[in-house]
Amino acid sequence: MKLLINLLIIIAIVALAVYQIYRHFRSSRQGKCAACEYDCEIKRLAKHRPPSD
């Protein structure tokens, strides 16, 4: 029984780690500024910038 509980805990930790790594790589493909979750002034200015021709 202890072995089963330990295996479930290990599987949960590994699954969480894989999910976090996947999320990091998915967001890093958008570039350095797009990957950060912090809403800084540069990101706000980039959102409101008119499209260039």
Protein backbone atom coordinates (compact mmCIF):
# COMPACT_ATOMS: atom_id res chain seq x y z
CA MET A 1 0.00 0.00 0.00
CA LYS A 2 2.85 2.38 0.85
CA LEU A 3 4.42 1.63 -2.51
CA LEU A 4 1.23 2.53 -4.34
CA ILE A 5 0.88 5.83 -2.47
CA ASN A 6 4.53 6.70 -3.14
CA LEU A 7 4.11 5.91 -6.84
CA LEU A 8 1.02 8.13 -7.05
CA ILE A 9 2.89 11.00 -5.39
CA ILE A 10 5.88 10.56 -7.73
CA ILE A 11 3.61 10.44 -10.79
CA ALA A 12 1.82 13.62 -9.65
CA ILE A 13 5.14 15.46 -9.15
CA VAL A 14 6.52 14.35 -12.52
CA ALA A 15 3.26 15.25 -14.30
CA LEU A 16 3.29 18.73 -12.74
CA ALA A 17 6.92 19.24 -13.75
CA VAL A 18 6.22 18.16 -17.34
CA TYR A 19 3.22 20.48 -17.49
CA GLN A 20 5.25 23.44 -16.21
CA ILE A 21 8.04 22.77 -18.73
CA TYR A 22 5.50 22.47 -21.56
CA ARG A 23 3.83 25.73 -20.51
CA HIS A 24 7.19 27.50 -20.33
CA PHE A 25 8.28 26.40 -23.82
CA ARG A 26 4.87 27.22 -25.28
CA SER A 27 4.98 30.77 -23.95
CA SER A 28 8.67 31.30 -24.77
CA ARG A 29 7.98 30.79 -28.49
CA GLN A 30 6.21 34.17 -28.47
CA GLY A 31 9.43 36.02 -27.64
CA LYS A 32 10.93 37.28 -24.42
CA CYS A 33 8.38 39.99 -23.66
CA ALA A 34 5.35 37.90 -24.61
CA ALA A 35 6.52 35.05 -22.42
CA CYS A 36 6.50 37.08 -19.24
CA GLU A 37 3.24 37.20 -17.35
CA TYR A 38 3.96 40.60 -15.79
CA ASP A 39 2.04 43.48 -17.36
CA CYS A 40 4.84 46.03 -17.69
CA GLU A 41 4.73 49.44 -19.33
CA ILE A 42 6.46 48.22 -22.50
CA LYS A 43 3.77 45.58 -23.07
CA ARG A 44 1.00 48.14 -22.52
CA LEU A 45 2.60 50.51 -25.01
CA ALA A 46 3.03 47.72 -27.56
CA LYS A 47 -0.64 46.80 -27.29
CA HIS A 48 -1.78 50.37 -27.97
CA ARG A 49 0.70 51.08 -30.77
CA PRO A 50 -0.93 51.70 -34.16
CA PRO A 51 -0.06 49.14 -36.84
CA SER A 52 2.88 50.10 -39.04
CA ASP A 53 2.44 50.33 -42.81
